[in-house]
Amino acid sequence: MCFLASGGRRSRLLVVFENFGEVVEERTGEHRFYDLRETAVLSSLLGRLVIEWGKDAINWSKSGTSAAHLPVVQIADPDAVPFPGFDSVLLSHAELQTVMGDPRYAIWRTALGSVQGIYLIADTSTGRLYVGKADGSGRVAPAKRCEREHQRPA
C-alpha cells in the first residue's frame, strides 16, 4: 500500500499493490527487486481511507507489522472531487467559494495549502487584477490588490 501525505500526520490511501515475488534475475549484491502490480483490492477506499501516520512522520517507510497498528481516522466522502493538478486550476469566484467551503473539495484544499506560490485573481466586472502569495503557515493568504489598475479586456 502507498499513502499520500494529507496534512499533519494524516495520510490518504493512494494505491494498493500485490506482490508477485522477487525478480531473482534483477537481484544485485545490494538490492532485491519485486514484481509489484497494482490491484483493485480496497479500490473503494482509494483517496478516502485516512490514517494517522504516527509521531515519526518523517519516516515514510513502514513495515507491514508496524503499519498494521496505524489508526484509521477517517473514511472520506466517496463523492470527493479529485484535484486536477496545479496547472489545471482556473476557477470563477463562485467555484472558488465552493472549493473553500464544500467538504467534497477537501483534497483540493490540502493540495493548494501544501505549496507556496503566487496567484492572480481577475475581477471580470471591473477588469482589476489582484495578486496574492501563498507562503504562510496555512499557505493560503488573502489577495492583495495590484498597485496598478489594469484595463478590462475587450
C-alpha atoms as a PDB file:
ATOM      1  CA  MET A   1       0.000   0.000   0.000  1.00  0.00           C
ATOM      2  CA  CYS A   2       1.119   3.546  -0.678  1.00  0.00           C
ATOM      3  CA  PHE A   3      -0.204   6.573   1.177  1.00  0.00           C
ATOM      4  CA  LEU A   4      -0.011  10.271   0.310  1.00  0.00           C
ATOM      5  CA  ALA A   5       0.585  12.910   2.980  1.00  0.00           C
ATOM      6  CA  SER A   6      -2.658  14.747   3.637  1.00  0.00           C
ATOM      7  CA  GLY A   7      -1.610  17.350   6.198  1.00  0.00           C
ATOM      8  CA  GLY A   8      -0.109  16.985   9.647  1.00  0.00           C
ATOM      9  CA  ARG A   9       0.392  13.319  10.415  1.00  0.00           C
ATOM     10  CA  ARG A  10      -2.510  12.175   8.268  1.00  0.00           C
ATOM     11  CA  SER A  11      -2.136  10.233   5.035  1.00  0.00           C
ATOM     12  CA  ARG A  12      -4.610   9.000   2.412  1.00  0.00           C
ATOM     13  CA  LEU A  13      -4.526   5.635   0.689  1.00  0.00           C
ATOM     14  CA  LEU A  14      -3.174   6.256  -2.803  1.00  0.00           C
ATOM     15  CA  VAL A  15      -2.658   2.809  -4.347  1.00  0.00           C
ATOM     16  CA  VAL A  16      -2.526  -0.867  -3.382  1.00  0.00           C
ATOM     17  CA  PHE A  17      -0.076  -3.348  -4.907  1.00  0.00           C
ATOM     18  CA  GLU A  18       0.013  -7.128  -4.942  1.00  0.00           C
ATOM     19  CA  ASN A  19       3.449  -8.699  -4.520  1.00  0.00           C
ATOM     20  CA  PHE A  20       4.130 -11.482  -7.027  1.00  0.00           C
ATOM     21  CA  GLY A  21       7.518 -12.265  -5.525  1.00  0.00           C
ATOM     22  CA  GLU A  22      11.127 -11.386  -6.044  1.00  0.00           C
ATOM     23  CA  VAL A  23      12.507 -10.918  -9.552  1.00  0.00           C
ATOM     24  CA  VAL A  24      15.611 -13.006  -8.905  1.00  0.00           C
ATOM     25  CA  GLU A  25      17.329 -12.153 -12.190  1.00  0.00           C
ATOM     26  CA  GLU A  26      17.305  -8.450 -11.176  1.00  0.00           C
ATOM     27  CA  ARG A  27      18.977  -9.076  -7.789  1.00  0.00           C
ATOM     28  CA  THR A  28      22.283  -7.360  -7.108  1.00  0.00           C
ATOM     29  CA  GLY A  29      24.647  -7.565  -4.160  1.00  0.00           C
ATOM     30  CA  GLU A  30      22.884  -4.569  -2.603  1.00  0.00           C
ATOM     31  CA  HIS A  31      19.304  -4.630  -3.941  1.00  0.00           C
ATOM     32  CA  ARG A  32      16.402  -7.002  -4.333  1.00  0.00           C
ATOM     33  CA  PHE A  33      13.553  -6.293  -6.738  1.00  0.00           C
ATOM     34  CA  TYR A  34       9.931  -7.426  -6.550  1.00  0.00           C
ATOM     35  CA  ASP A  35       7.168  -7.819  -9.105  1.00  0.00           C
ATOM     36  CA  LEU A  36       4.543  -5.425  -7.717  1.00  0.00           C
ATOM     37  CA  ARG A  37       1.301  -4.943  -9.611  1.00  0.00           C
ATOM     38  CA  GLU A  38      -1.499  -2.518  -8.900  1.00  0.00           C
ATOM     39  CA  THR A  39      -4.601  -4.305  -7.670  1.00  0.00           C
ATOM     40  CA  ALA A  40      -8.265  -3.431  -7.282  1.00  0.00           C
ATOM     41  CA  VAL A  41      -8.215  -4.645  -3.667  1.00  0.00           C
ATOM     42  CA  LEU A  42      -9.531  -1.787  -1.495  1.00  0.00           C
ATOM     43  CA  SER A  43     -10.283   0.273  -4.634  1.00  0.00           C
ATOM     44  CA  SER A  44     -13.412   1.715  -2.999  1.00  0.00           C
ATOM     45  CA  LEU A  45     -11.152   3.246  -0.331  1.00  0.00           C
ATOM     46  CA  LEU A  46      -8.547   4.835  -2.622  1.00  0.00           C
ATOM     47  CA  GLY A  47      -8.256   8.515  -1.757  1.00  0.00           C
ATOM     48  CA  ARG A  48     -10.804   8.031   1.041  1.00  0.00           C
ATOM     49  CA  LEU A  49      -9.028   5.967   3.711  1.00  0.00           C
ATOM     50  CA  VAL A  50      -7.155   8.347   6.026  1.00  0.00           C
ATOM     51  CA  ILE A  51      -4.702   7.077   8.624  1.00  0.00           C
ATOM     52  CA  GLU A  52      -2.705   8.718  11.405  1.00  0.00           C
ATOM     53  CA  TRP A  53       0.918   8.119  10.397  1.00  0.00           C
ATOM     54  CA  GLY A  54       2.375   8.438  13.887  1.00  0.00           C
ATOM     55  CA  LYS A  55       4.928  10.523  15.718  1.00  0.00           C
ATOM     56  CA  ASP A  56       7.743   9.675  13.304  1.00  0.00           C
ATOM     57  CA  ALA A  57       6.005  11.306  10.335  1.00  0.00           C
ATOM     58  CA  ILE A  58       9.404  11.920   8.761  1.00  0.00           C
ATOM     59  CA  ASN A  59       9.838   8.140   8.354  1.00  0.00           C
ATOM     60  CA  TRP A  60       7.615   7.390   5.371  1.00  0.00           C
ATOM     61  CA  SER A  61       8.529   3.718   5.142  1.00  0.00           C
ATOM     62  CA  LYS A  62       6.745   1.259   7.408  1.00  0.00           C
ATOM     63  CA  SER A  63       6.933  -2.500   7.684  1.00  0.00           C
ATOM     64  CA  GLY A  64       3.670  -4.395   7.442  1.00  0.00           C
ATOM     65  CA  THR A  65       3.824  -5.179  11.148  1.00  0.00           C
ATOM     66  CA  SER A  66       4.145  -1.545  12.259  1.00  0.00           C
ATOM     67  CA  ALA A  67       1.726  -0.267   9.587  1.00  0.00           C
ATOM     68  CA  ALA A  68      -0.961  -2.626  10.876  1.00  0.00           C
ATOM     69  CA  HIS A  69      -1.128  -0.563  14.080  1.00  0.00           C
ATOM     70  CA  LEU A  70      -1.637   2.827  12.402  1.00  0.00           C
ATOM     71  CA  PRO A  71      -5.133   4.050  13.327  1.00  0.00           C
ATOM     72  CA  VAL A  72      -7.774   4.799  10.700  1.00  0.00           C
ATOM     73  CA  VAL A  73      -9.065   8.298  11.441  1.00  0.00           C
ATOM     74  CA  GLN A  74     -11.496   8.811   8.579  1.00  0.00           C
ATOM     75  CA  ILE A  75     -13.211   7.247   5.608  1.00  0.00           C
ATOM     76  CA  ALA A  76     -13.773  10.343   3.475  1.00  0.00           C
ATOM     77  CA  ASP A  77     -16.847  11.155   1.379  1.00  0.00           C
ATOM     78  CA  PRO A  78     -16.966   8.943  -1.741  1.00  0.00           C
ATOM     79  CA  ASP A  79     -18.168  11.896  -3.782  1.00  0.00           C
ATOM     80  CA  ALA A  80     -14.939  13.818  -3.199  1.00  0.00           C
ATOM     81  CA  VAL A  81     -13.888  15.838  -6.236  1.00  0.00           C
ATOM     82  CA  PRO A  82     -10.388  14.799  -7.351  1.00  0.00           C
ATOM     83  CA  PHE A  83      -7.751  17.537  -7.561  1.00  0.00           C
ATOM     84  CA  PRO A  84      -6.972  18.137 -11.275  1.00  0.00           C
ATOM     85  CA  GLY A  85      -3.355  19.234 -10.767  1.00  0.00           C
ATOM     86  CA  PHE A  86      -1.906  22.681 -10.219  1.00  0.00           C
ATOM     87  CA  ASP A  87      -1.747  23.534 -13.932  1.00  0.00           C
ATOM     88  CA  SER A  88      -5.487  22.937 -14.283  1.00  0.00           C
ATOM     89  CA  VAL A  89      -6.807  25.200 -11.521  1.00  0.00           C
ATOM     90  CA  LEU A  90      -8.782  28.023 -13.128  1.00  0.00           C
ATOM     91  CA  LEU A  91     -11.872  28.934 -11.119  1.00  0.00           C
ATOM     92  CA  SER A  92     -14.624  31.500 -11.163  1.00  0.00           C
ATOM     93  CA  HIS A  93     -15.357  33.293  -7.882  1.00  0.00           C
ATOM     94  CA  ALA A  94     -18.367  31.071  -7.268  1.00  0.00           C
ATOM     95  CA  GLU A  95     -16.276  27.943  -7.920  1.00  0.00           C
ATOM     96  CA  LEU A  96     -13.562  29.201  -5.566  1.00  0.00           C
ATOM     97  CA  GLN A  97     -16.156  29.724  -2.823  1.00  0.00           C
ATOM     98  CA  THR A  98     -17.372  26.168  -3.373  1.00  0.00           C
ATOM     99  CA  VAL A  99     -13.823  24.758  -3.217  1.00  0.00           C
ATOM    100  CA  MET A 100     -13.147  26.602   0.042  1.00  0.00           C
ATOM    101  CA  GLY A 101     -16.380  25.573   1.764  1.00  0.00           C
ATOM    102  CA  ASP A 102     -17.610  22.263   0.355  1.00  0.00           C
ATOM    103  CA  PRO A 103     -16.303  19.096   2.106  1.00  0.00           C
ATOM    104  CA  ARG A 104     -16.109  17.340  -1.273  1.00  0.00           C
ATOM    105  CA  TYR A 105     -13.143  19.617  -2.121  1.00  0.00           C
ATOM    106  CA  ALA A 106     -11.028  18.760   0.945  1.00  0.00           C
ATOM    107  CA  ILE A 107      -8.377  17.203  -1.310  1.00  0.00           C
ATOM    108  CA  TRP A 108      -8.146  20.483  -3.257  1.00  0.00           C
ATOM    109  CA  ARG A 109      -7.650  22.465  -0.050  1.00  0.00           C
ATOM    110  CA  THR A 110      -4.951  20.043   1.094  1.00  0.00           C
ATOM    111  CA  ALA A 111      -3.135  20.279  -2.236  1.00  0.00           C
ATOM    112  CA  LEU A 112      -3.422  24.052  -2.533  1.00  0.00           C
ATOM    113  CA  GLY A 113      -2.494  24.501   1.111  1.00  0.00           C
ATOM    114  CA  SER A 114       0.691  22.457   0.725  1.00  0.00           C
ATOM    115  CA  VAL A 115       2.518  24.701  -1.737  1.00  0.00           C
ATOM    116  CA  GLN A 116       3.901  28.188  -1.866  1.00  0.00           C
ATOM    117  CA  GLY A 117       3.218  30.357  -4.867  1.00  0.00           C
ATOM    118  CA  ILE A 118       1.852  33.495  -6.443  1.00  0.00           C
ATOM    119  CA  TYR A 119      -1.702  33.592  -7.736  1.00  0.00           C
ATOM    120  CA  LEU A 120      -3.794  36.053  -9.738  1.00  0.00           C
ATOM    121  CA  ILE A 121      -7.450  36.890  -9.266  1.00  0.00           C
ATOM    122  CA  ALA A 122      -9.144  38.801 -12.072  1.00  0.00           C
ATOM    123  CA  ASP A 123     -12.289  40.801 -11.261  1.00  0.00           C
ATOM    124  CA  THR A 124     -14.131  40.330 -14.537  1.00  0.00           C
ATOM    125  CA  SER A 125     -16.678  43.031 -13.704  1.00  0.00           C
ATOM    126  CA  THR A 126     -14.083  45.804 -13.265  1.00  0.00           C
ATOM    127  CA  GLY A 127     -11.014  44.441 -15.036  1.00  0.00           C
ATOM    128  CA  ARG A 128      -8.951  44.852 -11.872  1.00  0.00           C
ATOM    129  CA  LEU A 129      -6.312  42.250 -11.075  1.00  0.00           C
ATOM    130  CA  TYR A 130      -5.380  41.083  -7.597  1.00  0.00           C
ATOM    131  CA  VAL A 131      -2.110  39.347  -6.864  1.00  0.00           C
ATOM    132  CA  GLY A 132      -1.687  37.161  -3.816  1.00  0.00           C
ATOM    133  CA  LYS A 133       1.023  34.984  -2.431  1.00  0.00           C
ATOM    134  CA  ALA A 134       0.567  31.751  -0.568  1.00  0.00           C
ATOM    135  CA  ASP A 135       3.509  31.399   1.779  1.00  0.00           C
ATOM    136  CA  GLY A 136       2.088  31.486   5.299  1.00  0.00           C
ATOM    137  CA  SER A 137       1.693  28.537   7.611  1.00  0.00           C
ATOM    138  CA  GLY A 138      -1.703  27.774   6.078  1.00  0.00           C
ATOM    139  CA  ARG A 139      -0.314  28.508   2.609  1.00  0.00           C
ATOM    140  CA  VAL A 140      -3.456  30.441   1.692  1.00  0.00           C
ATOM    141  CA  ALA A 141      -3.103  34.194   2.159  1.00  0.00           C
ATOM    142  CA  PRO A 142      -5.571  36.971   1.316  1.00  0.00           C
ATOM    143  CA  ALA A 143      -5.185  38.557  -2.090  1.00  0.00           C
ATOM    144  CA  LYS A 144      -3.516  41.952  -2.302  1.00  0.00           C
ATOM    145  CA  ARG A 145      -4.660  44.500  -4.853  1.00  0.00           C
ATOM    146  CA  CYS A 146      -2.184  45.365  -7.580  1.00  0.00           C
ATOM    147  CA  GLU A 147      -0.735  48.849  -7.336  1.00  0.00           C
ATOM    148  CA  ARG A 148      -1.526  49.448 -10.998  1.00  0.00           C
ATOM    149  CA  GLU A 149      -5.055  49.038 -12.210  1.00  0.00           C
ATOM    150  CA  HIS A 150      -5.319  47.112 -15.441  1.00  0.00           C
ATOM    151  CA  GLN A 151      -7.825  47.782 -18.151  1.00  0.00           C
ATOM    152  CA  ARG A 152     -10.634  45.324 -18.534  1.00  0.00           C
ATOM    153  CA  PRO A 153     -10.126  43.124 -21.609  1.00  0.00           C
ATOM    154  CA  ALA A 154     -12.361  43.980 -24.566  1.00  0.00           C
END
